[in-house]
């Protein structure tokens, strides 16, 4: 079986936001609420968004929950406050609805490092493998896949293929390795990674755990294996939030994922002490530069103008729909 290092390494393009000047006296919250009613729009927001956007959203969740909400909504317009692949997934599930997002330059390091043309050529090496793609991929990569997964259901998705299935897992190598460890099986892994979670190191986290011996370390499975080996709990963003809220025998947590999740943790468990895990970049805590391209100002503009709109070509959408629906059927 070819090792993950056989896959090509793709350079990461950096987004450049395009801004419009807005009257600073405008009551953005009131205007956004007015526009969402006028446009019959639903606002979906990921946990990694700024807290003020989370508080305005009709639904806040992880990739799986957002996909489920997108499929169920009866709104005419879906305003997606997340990153581009999430809005594409909403469009795959709702071809008749208008899907907009505040800033279409809000991409994803995982999706951007797995271009569909390069991925398609690479897959030719594994014609007898089932292709499991993380939801953090473009619609075109989803169209090349047999089934999609999220961090909350990746183990269940791979397990559903049967114990003898040969599997290609893309694009997150760390999540793939975590799934391998959970199931005791090998997969061919594309060598992608998240620019946020890749920054955590076991060395710095061990030092932090020594400084806070009563703290519990919770980590996302996109972290490298050395970090996961010392974590007290590993889970998706929703699972991390629920763990902090429900594990009341601890009141201090070191959180090794994007700091946006802390807003929901504090809302659901006031008084809990949360320590952002320090990334190996000199910052105090990790922030996704893509997620934070979405702002209240841009959300107002996209609801006002119903753009920028996210579209998916029909042929790609039709091929991507089946693997996404297979994932949703598993829950």
C-alpha atoms as a PDB file:
ATOM      1  CA  UNK A   1       0.000   0.000   0.000  1.00  0.00           C
ATOM      2  CA  UNK A   2       1.427   3.352  -0.990  1.00  0.00           C
ATOM      3  CA  UNK A   3       2.271   5.632   1.940  1.00  0.00           C
ATOM      4  CA  UNK A   4       0.624   8.998   2.383  1.00  0.00           C
ATOM      5  CA  UNK A   5       3.875  10.719   1.447  1.00  0.00           C
ATOM      6  CA  UNK A   6       3.376   9.548  -2.170  1.00  0.00           C
ATOM      7  CA  UNK A   7       0.656  12.149  -2.657  1.00  0.00           C
ATOM      8  CA  UNK A   8       1.736  15.535  -4.028  1.00  0.00           C
ATOM      9  CA  UNK A   9       2.070  18.518  -1.713  1.00  0.00           C
ATOM     10  CA  UNK A  10       0.038  21.487  -2.922  1.00  0.00           C
ATOM     11  CA  UNK A  11       0.999  25.060  -1.986  1.00  0.00           C
ATOM     12  CA  UNK A  12      -1.687  26.988  -0.107  1.00  0.00           C
ATOM     13  CA  UNK A  13      -3.130  30.145  -1.672  1.00  0.00           C
ATOM     14  CA  UNK A  14      -3.849  32.941   0.778  1.00  0.00           C
ATOM     15  CA  UNK A  15      -7.199  34.745   0.465  1.00  0.00           C
ATOM     16  CA  UNK A  16      -7.322  38.495  -0.044  1.00  0.00           C
ATOM     17  CA  UNK A  17     -10.535  39.995   1.333  1.00  0.00           C
ATOM     18  CA  UNK A  18     -12.429  42.599  -0.687  1.00  0.00           C
ATOM     19  CA  UNK A  19     -14.094  45.145   1.582  1.00  0.00           C
ATOM     20  CA  UNK A  20     -16.737  47.812   1.100  1.00  0.00           C
ATOM     21  CA  UNK A  21     -16.954  50.860   3.304  1.00  0.00           C
ATOM     22  CA  UNK A  22     -20.075  50.863   5.507  1.00  0.00           C
ATOM     23  CA  UNK A  23     -21.554  53.689   7.548  1.00  0.00           C
ATOM     24  CA  UNK A  24     -20.113  53.053  11.050  1.00  0.00           C
ATOM     25  CA  UNK A  25     -23.327  54.317  12.654  1.00  0.00           C
ATOM     26  CA  UNK A  26     -25.436  51.610  11.008  1.00  0.00           C
ATOM     27  CA  UNK A  27     -27.075  49.203  13.466  1.00  0.00           C
ATOM     28  CA  UNK A  28     -25.787  46.058  11.811  1.00  0.00           C
ATOM     29  CA  UNK A  29     -27.648  43.631  14.044  1.00  0.00           C
ATOM     30  CA  UNK A  30     -30.992  45.336  13.389  1.00  0.00           C
ATOM     31  CA  UNK A  31     -30.310  45.544   9.653  1.00  0.00           C
ATOM     32  CA  UNK A  32     -29.302  41.892   9.429  1.00  0.00           C
ATOM     33  CA  UNK A  33     -32.468  40.853  11.275  1.00  0.00           C
ATOM     34  CA  UNK A  34     -34.581  43.014   8.962  1.00  0.00           C
ATOM     35  CA  UNK A  35     -32.955  41.660   5.819  1.00  0.00           C
ATOM     36  CA  UNK A  36     -33.196  38.025   6.823  1.00  0.00           C
ATOM     37  CA  UNK A  37     -36.961  38.423   7.231  1.00  0.00           C
ATOM     38  CA  UNK A  38     -37.351  40.307   3.950  1.00  0.00           C
ATOM     39  CA  UNK A  39     -35.278  37.767   2.035  1.00  0.00           C
ATOM     40  CA  UNK A  40     -36.724  34.716   3.829  1.00  0.00           C
ATOM     41  CA  UNK A  41     -33.148  33.774   4.667  1.00  0.00           C
ATOM     42  CA  UNK A  42     -31.649  31.428   7.239  1.00  0.00           C
ATOM     43  CA  UNK A  43     -28.246  32.236   8.718  1.00  0.00           C
ATOM     44  CA  UNK A  44     -26.052  29.195   9.372  1.00  0.00           C
ATOM     45  CA  UNK A  45     -22.799  29.685  11.280  1.00  0.00           C
ATOM     46  CA  UNK A  46     -19.919  27.419  12.179  1.00  0.00           C
ATOM     47  CA  UNK A  47     -18.535  27.309  15.724  1.00  0.00           C
ATOM     48  CA  UNK A  48     -15.344  28.979  14.469  1.00  0.00           C
ATOM     49  CA  UNK A  49     -17.120  32.218  13.551  1.00  0.00           C
ATOM     50  CA  UNK A  50     -16.842  35.391  15.620  1.00  0.00           C
ATOM     51  CA  UNK A  51     -19.109  35.305  18.664  1.00  0.00           C
ATOM     52  CA  UNK A  52     -21.341  38.131  17.398  1.00  0.00           C
ATOM     53  CA  UNK A  53     -22.104  36.152  14.239  1.00  0.00           C
ATOM     54  CA  UNK A  54     -22.782  33.006  16.277  1.00  0.00           C
ATOM     55  CA  UNK A  55     -25.244  34.927  18.433  1.00  0.00           C
ATOM     56  CA  UNK A  56     -27.160  36.186  15.373  1.00  0.00           C
ATOM     57  CA  UNK A  57     -27.324  32.867  13.550  1.00  0.00           C
ATOM     58  CA  UNK A  58     -30.451  30.741  13.298  1.00  0.00           C
ATOM     59  CA  UNK A  59     -28.278  27.676  13.794  1.00  0.00           C
ATOM     60  CA  UNK A  60     -24.693  27.251  15.003  1.00  0.00           C
ATOM     61  CA  UNK A  61     -22.973  23.912  14.562  1.00  0.00           C
ATOM     62  CA  UNK A  62     -20.216  21.741  13.175  1.00  0.00           C
ATOM     63  CA  UNK A  63     -19.951  20.543   9.582  1.00  0.00           C
ATOM     64  CA  UNK A  64     -22.336  17.616  10.071  1.00  0.00           C
ATOM     65  CA  UNK A  65     -24.974  19.653  11.899  1.00  0.00           C
ATOM     66  CA  UNK A  66     -24.757  22.459   9.354  1.00  0.00           C
ATOM     67  CA  UNK A  67     -25.221  19.990   6.486  1.00  0.00           C
ATOM     68  CA  UNK A  68     -28.264  18.528   8.224  1.00  0.00           C
ATOM     69  CA  UNK A  69     -29.756  21.976   8.777  1.00  0.00           C
ATOM     70  CA  UNK A  70     -29.081  22.984   5.170  1.00  0.00           C
ATOM     71  CA  UNK A  71     -30.923  19.899   3.953  1.00  0.00           C
ATOM     72  CA  UNK A  72     -33.943  20.540   6.196  1.00  0.00           C
ATOM     73  CA  UNK A  73     -34.459  24.284   5.743  1.00  0.00           C
ATOM     74  CA  UNK A  74     -37.469  25.730   3.925  1.00  0.00           C
ATOM     75  CA  UNK A  75     -35.874  29.184   3.599  1.00  0.00           C
ATOM     76  CA  UNK A  76     -35.413  30.677   0.130  1.00  0.00           C
ATOM     77  CA  UNK A  77     -31.911  31.920   0.903  1.00  0.00           C
ATOM     78  CA  UNK A  78     -29.116  30.266   2.899  1.00  0.00           C
ATOM     79  CA  UNK A  79     -26.587  32.756   4.250  1.00  0.00           C
ATOM     80  CA  UNK A  80     -23.613  30.594   5.183  1.00  0.00           C
ATOM     81  CA  UNK A  81     -21.150  31.969   7.703  1.00  0.00           C
ATOM     82  CA  UNK A  82     -18.367  29.458   7.438  1.00  0.00           C
ATOM     83  CA  UNK A  83     -15.949  28.531   4.685  1.00  0.00           C
ATOM     84  CA  UNK A  84     -16.471  27.867   0.995  1.00  0.00           C
ATOM     85  CA  UNK A  85     -16.757  24.067   1.067  1.00  0.00           C
ATOM     86  CA  UNK A  86     -19.563  24.345   3.644  1.00  0.00           C
ATOM     87  CA  UNK A  87     -21.557  26.700   1.425  1.00  0.00           C
ATOM     88  CA  UNK A  88     -20.938  24.392  -1.541  1.00  0.00           C
ATOM     89  CA  UNK A  89     -22.313  21.466   0.472  1.00  0.00           C
ATOM     90  CA  UNK A  90     -25.443  23.495   1.216  1.00  0.00           C
ATOM     91  CA  UNK A  91     -25.831  24.166  -2.523  1.00  0.00           C
ATOM     92  CA  UNK A  92     -25.313  20.483  -3.361  1.00  0.00           C
ATOM     93  CA  UNK A  93     -28.219  19.668  -1.060  1.00  0.00           C
ATOM     94  CA  UNK A  94     -30.370  22.633  -2.181  1.00  0.00           C
ATOM     95  CA  UNK A  95     -29.934  23.296  -5.907  1.00  0.00           C
ATOM     96  CA  UNK A  96     -33.126  25.362  -6.041  1.00  0.00           C
ATOM     97  CA  UNK A  97     -32.121  27.715  -3.212  1.00  0.00           C
ATOM     98  CA  UNK A  98     -29.820  30.717  -3.348  1.00  0.00           C
ATOM     99  CA  UNK A  99     -26.716  30.141  -1.220  1.00  0.00           C
ATOM    100  CA  UNK A 100     -24.678  33.194  -0.283  1.00  0.00           C
ATOM    101  CA  UNK A 101     -21.754  33.776   2.025  1.00  0.00           C
ATOM    102  CA  UNK A 102     -20.176  36.940   3.414  1.00  0.00           C
ATOM    103  CA  UNK A 103     -16.766  36.345   1.848  1.00  0.00           C
ATOM    104  CA  UNK A 104     -16.128  33.691  -0.802  1.00  0.00           C
ATOM    105  CA  UNK A 105     -12.381  34.008  -0.159  1.00  0.00           C
ATOM    106  CA  UNK A 106     -13.053  32.171   3.115  1.00  0.00           C
ATOM    107  CA  UNK A 107     -11.496  28.921   1.995  1.00  0.00           C
ATOM    108  CA  UNK A 108      -9.933  26.009   3.851  1.00  0.00           C
ATOM    109  CA  UNK A 109      -6.338  24.812   3.967  1.00  0.00           C
ATOM    110  CA  UNK A 110      -7.506  21.199   3.682  1.00  0.00           C
ATOM    111  CA  UNK A 111      -9.734  21.822   0.657  1.00  0.00           C
ATOM    112  CA  UNK A 112      -7.227  24.112  -1.060  1.00  0.00           C
ATOM    113  CA  UNK A 113      -4.414  21.575  -0.771  1.00  0.00           C
ATOM    114  CA  UNK A 114      -6.471  18.881  -2.509  1.00  0.00           C
ATOM    115  CA  UNK A 115      -7.191  20.173  -6.041  1.00  0.00           C
ATOM    116  CA  UNK A 116      -9.670  17.904  -7.850  1.00  0.00           C
ATOM    117  CA  UNK A 117      -7.564  17.437 -10.996  1.00  0.00           C
ATOM    118  CA  UNK A 118      -4.503  16.389  -8.998  1.00  0.00           C
ATOM    119  CA  UNK A 119      -6.626  14.235  -6.718  1.00  0.00           C
ATOM    120  CA  UNK A 120      -8.299  12.489  -9.677  1.00  0.00           C
ATOM    121  CA  UNK A 121      -4.920  11.631 -11.209  1.00  0.00           C
ATOM    122  CA  UNK A 122      -3.597  10.366  -7.858  1.00  0.00           C
ATOM    123  CA  UNK A 123      -6.665   8.135  -7.389  1.00  0.00           C
ATOM    124  CA  UNK A 124      -5.780   6.204 -10.546  1.00  0.00           C
ATOM    125  CA  UNK A 125      -3.212   4.361  -8.416  1.00  0.00           C
ATOM    126  CA  UNK A 126      -6.022   2.905  -6.278  1.00  0.00           C
ATOM    127  CA  UNK A 127      -8.792   1.698  -8.620  1.00  0.00           C
ATOM    128  CA  UNK A 128      -9.990  -0.972  -6.168  1.00  0.00           C
ATOM    129  CA  UNK A 129     -10.269   1.383  -3.183  1.00  0.00           C
ATOM    130  CA  UNK A 130     -13.321   3.084  -1.728  1.00  0.00           C
ATOM    131  CA  UNK A 131     -12.795   6.842  -1.497  1.00  0.00           C
ATOM    132  CA  UNK A 132     -13.771   8.463   1.794  1.00  0.00           C
ATOM    133  CA  UNK A 133     -13.414  12.235   1.649  1.00  0.00           C
ATOM    134  CA  UNK A 134     -13.634  14.531   4.621  1.00  0.00           C
ATOM    135  CA  UNK A 135     -16.305  17.178   4.212  1.00  0.00           C
ATOM    136  CA  UNK A 136     -13.448  19.723   4.166  1.00  0.00           C
ATOM    137  CA  UNK A 137     -13.095  19.322   0.397  1.00  0.00           C
ATOM    138  CA  UNK A 138     -14.400  21.039  -2.694  1.00  0.00           C
ATOM    139  CA  UNK A 139     -17.576  19.893  -4.429  1.00  0.00           C
ATOM    140  CA  UNK A 140     -15.428  18.542  -7.260  1.00  0.00           C
ATOM    141  CA  UNK A 141     -13.468  16.316  -4.855  1.00  0.00           C
ATOM    142  CA  UNK A 142     -16.716  15.143  -3.270  1.00  0.00           C
ATOM    143  CA  UNK A 143     -17.857  14.165  -6.767  1.00  0.00           C
ATOM    144  CA  UNK A 144     -14.834  11.849  -6.990  1.00  0.00           C
ATOM    145  CA  UNK A 145     -15.693  10.148  -3.691  1.00  0.00           C
ATOM    146  CA  UNK A 146     -17.795   7.185  -2.610  1.00  0.00           C
ATOM    147  CA  UNK A 147     -18.858   8.698   0.705  1.00  0.00           C
ATOM    148  CA  UNK A 148     -18.211  11.851   2.729  1.00  0.00           C
ATOM    149  CA  UNK A 149     -17.453  12.049   6.445  1.00  0.00           C
ATOM    150  CA  UNK A 150     -17.036  14.654   9.160  1.00  0.00           C
ATOM    151  CA  UNK A 151     -14.858  14.467  12.254  1.00  0.00           C
ATOM    152  CA  UNK A 152     -17.902  13.448  14.289  1.00  0.00           C
ATOM    153  CA  UNK A 153     -18.769  10.433  12.124  1.00  0.00           C
ATOM    154  CA  UNK A 154     -15.504   9.502  10.349  1.00  0.00           C
ATOM    155  CA  UNK A 155     -15.062   6.271  12.302  1.00  0.00           C
ATOM    156  CA  UNK A 156     -18.658   5.212  11.628  1.00  0.00           C
ATOM    157  CA  UNK A 157     -18.374   6.068   7.925  1.00  0.00           C
ATOM    158  CA  UNK A 158     -15.222   4.000   7.381  1.00  0.00           C
ATOM    159  CA  UNK A 159     -16.665   1.174   9.470  1.00  0.00           C
ATOM    160  CA  UNK A 160     -19.790   1.151   7.262  1.00  0.00           C
ATOM    161  CA  UNK A 161     -17.683   0.100   4.259  1.00  0.00           C
ATOM    162  CA  UNK A 162     -16.946  -3.267   5.851  1.00  0.00           C
ATOM    163  CA  UNK A 163     -13.772  -4.689   7.402  1.00  0.00           C
ATOM    164  CA  UNK A 164     -12.251  -5.868   4.110  1.00  0.00           C
ATOM    165  CA  UNK A 165     -12.694  -2.693   2.091  1.00  0.00           C
ATOM    166  CA  UNK A 166      -9.561  -0.950   0.855  1.00  0.00           C
ATOM    167  CA  UNK A 167      -9.915   2.724   1.664  1.00  0.00           C
ATOM    168  CA  UNK A 168      -8.453   5.986   0.443  1.00  0.00           C
ATOM    169  CA  UNK A 169      -8.957   8.719   3.037  1.00  0.00           C
ATOM    170  CA  UNK A 170      -8.622  12.371   2.067  1.00  0.00           C
ATOM    171  CA  UNK A 171      -7.520  14.996   2.708  1.00  0.00           C
ATOM    172  CA  UNK A 172      -6.640  15.184   6.462  1.00  0.00           C
ATOM    173  CA  UNK A 173      -3.796  12.846   7.357  1.00  0.00           C
ATOM    174  CA  UNK A 174      -4.202  13.379  11.104  1.00  0.00           C
ATOM    175  CA  UNK A 175      -7.914  12.587  11.126  1.00  0.00           C
ATOM    176  CA  UNK A 176      -7.180   9.595   8.902  1.00  0.00           C
ATOM    177  CA  UNK A 177      -4.517   8.329  11.275  1.00  0.00           C
ATOM    178  CA  UNK A 178      -6.896   8.738  14.224  1.00  0.00           C
ATOM    179  CA  UNK A 179      -9.538   6.682  12.388  1.00  0.00           C
ATOM    180  CA  UNK A 180      -6.944   4.013  11.623  1.00  0.00           C
ATOM    181  CA  UNK A 181      -6.040   3.796  15.298  1.00  0.00           C
ATOM    182  CA  UNK A 182      -9.679   3.595  16.390  1.00  0.00           C
ATOM    183  CA  UNK A 183     -10.496   0.815  13.916  1.00  0.00           C
ATOM    184  CA  UNK A 184      -7.169  -1.012  13.819  1.00  0.00           C
ATOM    185  CA  UNK A 185      -6.919  -0.836  10.021  1.00  0.00           C
ATOM    186  CA  UNK A 186      -4.715   0.897   7.473  1.00  0.00           C
ATOM    187  CA  UNK A 187      -5.857   3.351   4.833  1.00  0.00           C
ATOM    188  CA  UNK A 188      -4.119   5.243   2.048  1.00  0.00           C
ATOM    189  CA  UNK A 189      -4.070   8.865   3.209  1.00  0.00           C
ATOM    190  CA  UNK A 190      -3.734  12.108   1.277  1.00  0.00           C
ATOM    191  CA  UNK A 191      -1.167  14.219   3.199  1.00  0.00           C
ATOM    192  CA  UNK A 192      -3.325  17.265   3.962  1.00  0.00           C
ATOM    193  CA  UNK A 193      -3.616  19.100   7.251  1.00  0.00           C
ATOM    194  CA  UNK A 194      -5.429  22.008   8.887  1.00  0.00           C
ATOM    195  CA  UNK A 195      -3.272  25.109   9.331  1.00  0.00           C
ATOM    196  CA  UNK A 196      -4.816  25.699  12.762  1.00  0.00           C
ATOM    197  CA  UNK A 197      -4.583  22.228  14.276  1.00  0.00           C
ATOM    198  CA  UNK A 198      -1.153  21.510  12.773  1.00  0.00           C
ATOM    199  CA  UNK A 199       0.303  24.251  14.994  1.00  0.00           C
ATOM    200  CA  UNK A 200      -0.261  22.472  18.297  1.00  0.00           C
ATOM    201  CA  UNK A 201       2.710  20.543  19.670  1.00  0.00           C
ATOM    202  CA  UNK A 202       2.850  17.942  22.415  1.00  0.00           C
ATOM    203  CA  UNK A 203       5.881  19.706  23.911  1.00  0.00           C
ATOM    204  CA  UNK A 204       4.025  22.969  24.540  1.00  0.00           C
ATOM    205  CA  UNK A 205       0.875  21.203  25.706  1.00  0.00           C
ATOM    206  CA  UNK A 206       2.779  19.031  28.184  1.00  0.00           C
ATOM    207  CA  UNK A 207       4.291  22.203  29.613  1.00  0.00           C
ATOM    208  CA  UNK A 208       0.819  23.739  29.887  1.00  0.00           C
ATOM    209  CA  UNK A 209      -0.581  20.619  31.552  1.00  0.00           C
ATOM    210  CA  UNK A 210       2.227  20.834  34.111  1.00  0.00           C
ATOM    211  CA  UNK A 211       1.284  24.462  34.816  1.00  0.00           C
ATOM    212  CA  UNK A 212      -2.398  23.505  35.223  1.00  0.00           C
ATOM    213  CA  UNK A 213      -2.389  19.987  36.708  1.00  0.00           C
ATOM    214  CA  UNK A 214      -6.134  20.085  37.392  1.00  0.00           C
ATOM    215  CA  UNK A 215      -6.998  20.976  33.812  1.00  0.00           C
ATOM    216  CA  UNK A 216      -8.381  18.489  31.294  1.00  0.00           C
ATOM    217  CA  UNK A 217      -6.949  18.632  27.760  1.00  0.00           C
ATOM    218  CA  UNK A 218      -9.537  18.299  24.985  1.00  0.00           C
ATOM    219  CA  UNK A 219      -8.409  18.103  21.356  1.00  0.00           C
ATOM    220  CA  UNK A 220      -9.799  17.884  17.848  1.00  0.00           C
ATOM    221  CA  UNK A 221      -8.745  14.792  15.815  1.00  0.00           C
ATOM    222  CA  UNK A 222      -7.219  17.076  13.183  1.00  0.00           C
ATOM    223  CA  UNK A 223      -4.315  17.528  15.641  1.00  0.00           C
ATOM    224  CA  UNK A 224      -1.152  15.501  15.125  1.00  0.00           C
ATOM    225  CA  UNK A 225      -0.917  12.102  16.801  1.00  0.00           C
ATOM    226  CA  UNK A 226       1.558  13.231  19.485  1.00  0.00           C
ATOM    227  CA  UNK A 227      -1.033  15.758  20.700  1.00  0.00           C
ATOM    228  CA  UNK A 228      -3.866  13.235  20.605  1.00  0.00           C
ATOM    229  CA  UNK A 229      -1.732  10.794  22.626  1.00  0.00           C
ATOM    230  CA  UNK A 230      -1.687  13.171  25.593  1.00  0.00           C
ATOM    231  CA  UNK A 231      -5.278  14.434  25.263  1.00  0.00           C
ATOM    232  CA  UNK A 232      -7.856  13.502  27.895  1.00  0.00           C
ATOM    233  CA  UNK A 233     -10.678  13.683  25.360  1.00  0.00           C
ATOM    234  CA  UNK A 234     -10.743  13.735  21.551  1.00  0.00           C
ATOM    235  CA  UNK A 235     -13.760  14.789  19.527  1.00  0.00           C
ATOM    236  CA  UNK A 236     -15.365  16.969  16.879  1.00  0.00           C
ATOM    237  CA  UNK A 237     -16.240  20.556  17.710  1.00  0.00           C
ATOM    238  CA  UNK A 238     -19.726  19.588  18.911  1.00  0.00           C
ATOM    239  CA  UNK A 239     -18.331  16.681  20.918  1.00  0.00           C
ATOM    240  CA  UNK A 240     -15.722  18.946  22.537  1.00  0.00           C
ATOM    241  CA  UNK A 241     -18.395  21.460  23.528  1.00  0.00           C
ATOM    242  CA  UNK A 242     -20.634  18.754  24.975  1.00  0.00           C
ATOM    243  CA  UNK A 243     -17.726  17.224  26.888  1.00  0.00           C
ATOM    244  CA  UNK A 244     -16.804  20.535  28.527  1.00  0.00           C
ATOM    245  CA  UNK A 245     -20.446  21.231  29.398  1.00  0.00           C
ATOM    246  CA  UNK A 246     -21.180  17.771  30.790  1.00  0.00           C
ATOM    247  CA  UNK A 247     -17.909  16.906  32.549  1.00  0.00           C
ATOM    248  CA  UNK A 248     -18.768  18.854  35.664  1.00  0.00           C
ATOM    249  CA  UNK A 249     -16.171  17.144  37.871  1.00  0.00           C
ATOM    250  CA  UNK A 250     -13.627  19.379  36.103  1.00  0.00           C
ATOM    251  CA  UNK A 251     -13.859  23.166  35.925  1.00  0.00           C
ATOM    252  CA  UNK A 252     -10.695  23.908  33.913  1.00  0.00           C
ATOM    253  CA  UNK A 253     -10.040  22.795  30.339  1.00  0.00           C
ATOM    254  CA  UNK A 254      -7.214  23.268  27.872  1.00  0.00           C
ATOM    255  CA  UNK A 255      -8.873  23.504  24.460  1.00  0.00           C
ATOM    256  CA  UNK A 256      -6.842  22.374  21.431  1.00  0.00           C
ATOM    257  CA  UNK A 257      -8.981  23.600  18.572  1.00  0.00           C
ATOM    258  CA  UNK A 258     -10.006  26.929  17.042  1.00  0.00           C
ATOM    259  CA  UNK A 259     -10.903  29.303  19.850  1.00  0.00           C
ATOM    260  CA  UNK A 260     -14.358  30.102  18.416  1.00  0.00           C
ATOM    261  CA  UNK A 261     -15.762  27.002  20.150  1.00  0.00           C
ATOM    262  CA  UNK A 262     -15.097  28.604  23.535  1.00  0.00           C
ATOM    263  CA  UNK A 263     -17.992  31.002  23.016  1.00  0.00           C
ATOM    264  CA  UNK A 264     -20.522  28.163  23.021  1.00  0.00           C
ATOM    265  CA  UNK A 265     -18.728  26.421  25.901  1.00  0.00           C
ATOM    266  CA  UNK A 266     -19.035  29.546  28.050  1.00  0.00           C
ATOM    267  CA  UNK A 267     -22.660  30.134  27.032  1.00  0.00           C
ATOM    268  CA  UNK A 268     -23.659  26.587  27.946  1.00  0.00           C
ATOM    269  CA  UNK A 269     -21.516  26.350  31.077  1.00  0.00           C
ATOM    270  CA  UNK A 270     -20.987  29.801  32.614  1.00  0.00           C
ATOM    271  CA  UNK A 271     -18.023  30.026  34.961  1.00  0.00           C
ATOM    272  CA  UNK A 272     -15.981  27.274  33.321  1.00  0.00           C
ATOM    273  CA  UNK A 273     -12.287  28.143  32.972  1.00  0.00           C
ATOM    274  CA  UNK A 274     -11.077  27.684  29.402  1.00  0.00           C
ATOM    275  CA  UNK A 275      -7.428  27.880  28.377  1.00  0.00           C
ATOM    276  CA  UNK A 276      -6.697  28.132  24.672  1.00  0.00           C
ATOM    277  CA  UNK A 277      -3.960  25.693  23.689  1.00  0.00           C
ATOM    278  CA  UNK A 278      -0.966  27.721  22.463  1.00  0.00           C
ATOM    279  CA  UNK A 279      -0.085  27.114  18.814  1.00  0.00           C
ATOM    280  CA  UNK A 280       3.579  26.911  17.869  1.00  0.00           C
ATOM    281  CA  UNK A 281       3.446  30.330  16.221  1.00  0.00           C
ATOM    282  CA  UNK A 282       3.944  32.788  19.068  1.00  0.00           C
ATOM    283  CA  UNK A 283       0.212  33.464  19.487  1.00  0.00           C
ATOM    284  CA  UNK A 284      -1.736  32.865  22.678  1.00  0.00           C
ATOM    285  CA  UNK A 285      -4.474  30.844  20.969  1.00  0.00           C
ATOM    286  CA  UNK A 286      -5.377  29.584  17.508  1.00  0.00           C
ATOM    287  CA  UNK A 287      -7.659  31.465  15.136  1.00  0.00           C
ATOM    288  CA  UNK A 288      -8.587  30.265  11.644  1.00  0.00           C
ATOM    289  CA  UNK A 289      -7.701  33.100   9.233  1.00  0.00           C
ATOM    290  CA  UNK A 290     -10.278  31.851   6.727  1.00  0.00           C
ATOM    291  CA  UNK A 291     -13.236  31.627   9.099  1.00  0.00           C
ATOM    292  CA  UNK A 292     -12.546  35.132  10.387  1.00  0.00           C
ATOM    293  CA  UNK A 293     -12.821  36.681   6.922  1.00  0.00           C
ATOM    294  CA  UNK A 294     -16.571  36.657   7.550  1.00  0.00           C
ATOM    295  CA  UNK A 295     -17.642  39.741   9.476  1.00  0.00           C
ATOM    296  CA  UNK A 296     -20.882  41.402  10.520  1.00  0.00           C
ATOM    297  CA  UNK A 297     -20.340  44.036   7.836  1.00  0.00           C
ATOM    298  CA  UNK A 298     -19.938  41.423   5.115  1.00  0.00           C
ATOM    299  CA  UNK A 299     -22.930  39.449   6.396  1.00  0.00           C
ATOM    300  CA  UNK A 300     -25.031  42.602   6.134  1.00  0.00           C
ATOM    301  CA  UNK A 301     -23.821  43.248   2.580  1.00  0.00           C
ATOM    302  CA  UNK A 302     -24.440  39.710   1.366  1.00  0.00           C
ATOM    303  CA  UNK A 303     -27.999  39.741   2.745  1.00  0.00           C
ATOM    304  CA  UNK A 304     -28.608  43.182   1.257  1.00  0.00           C
ATOM    305  CA  UNK A 305     -27.289  42.304  -2.204  1.00  0.00           C
ATOM    306  CA  UNK A 306     -27.840  38.509  -2.157  1.00  0.00           C
ATOM    307  CA  UNK A 307     -24.233  38.068  -3.214  1.00  0.00           C
ATOM    308  CA  UNK A 308     -21.604  36.755  -3.422  1.00  0.00           C
ATOM    309  CA  UNK A 309     -23.515  33.662  -4.433  1.00  0.00           C
ATOM    310  CA  UNK A 310     -22.070  30.157  -4.223  1.00  0.00           C
ATOM    311  CA  UNK A 311     -22.864  27.918  -7.177  1.00  0.00           C
ATOM    312  CA  UNK A 312     -21.901  24.384  -8.166  1.00  0.00           C
ATOM    313  CA  UNK A 313     -21.999  23.165 -11.799  1.00  0.00           C
ATOM    314  CA  UNK A 314     -24.870  20.722 -12.316  1.00  0.00           C
ATOM    315  CA  UNK A 315     -22.700  17.797 -13.390  1.00  0.00           C
ATOM    316  CA  UNK A 316     -20.478  18.124 -10.312  1.00  0.00           C
ATOM    317  CA  UNK A 317     -23.429  18.725  -8.012  1.00  0.00           C
ATOM    318  CA  UNK A 318     -25.227  15.611  -9.223  1.00  0.00           C
ATOM    319  CA  UNK A 319     -22.149  13.408  -8.719  1.00  0.00           C
ATOM    320  CA  UNK A 320     -21.360  14.952  -5.330  1.00  0.00           C
ATOM    321  CA  UNK A 321     -24.916  14.581  -4.034  1.00  0.00           C
ATOM    322  CA  UNK A 322     -24.837  10.780  -3.657  1.00  0.00           C
ATOM    323  CA  UNK A 323     -21.744  10.589  -1.382  1.00  0.00           C
ATOM    324  CA  UNK A 324     -23.037  13.481   0.740  1.00  0.00           C
ATOM    325  CA  UNK A 325     -26.433  11.827   1.146  1.00  0.00           C
ATOM    326  CA  UNK A 326     -24.757   8.529   2.051  1.00  0.00           C
ATOM    327  CA  UNK A 327     -23.051  10.365   4.898  1.00  0.00           C
ATOM    328  CA  UNK A 328     -26.274  11.994   6.062  1.00  0.00           C
ATOM    329  CA  UNK A 329     -28.050   8.649   6.021  1.00  0.00           C
ATOM    330  CA  UNK A 330     -25.537   7.354   8.563  1.00  0.00           C
ATOM    331  CA  UNK A 331     -26.186  10.345  10.847  1.00  0.00           C
END
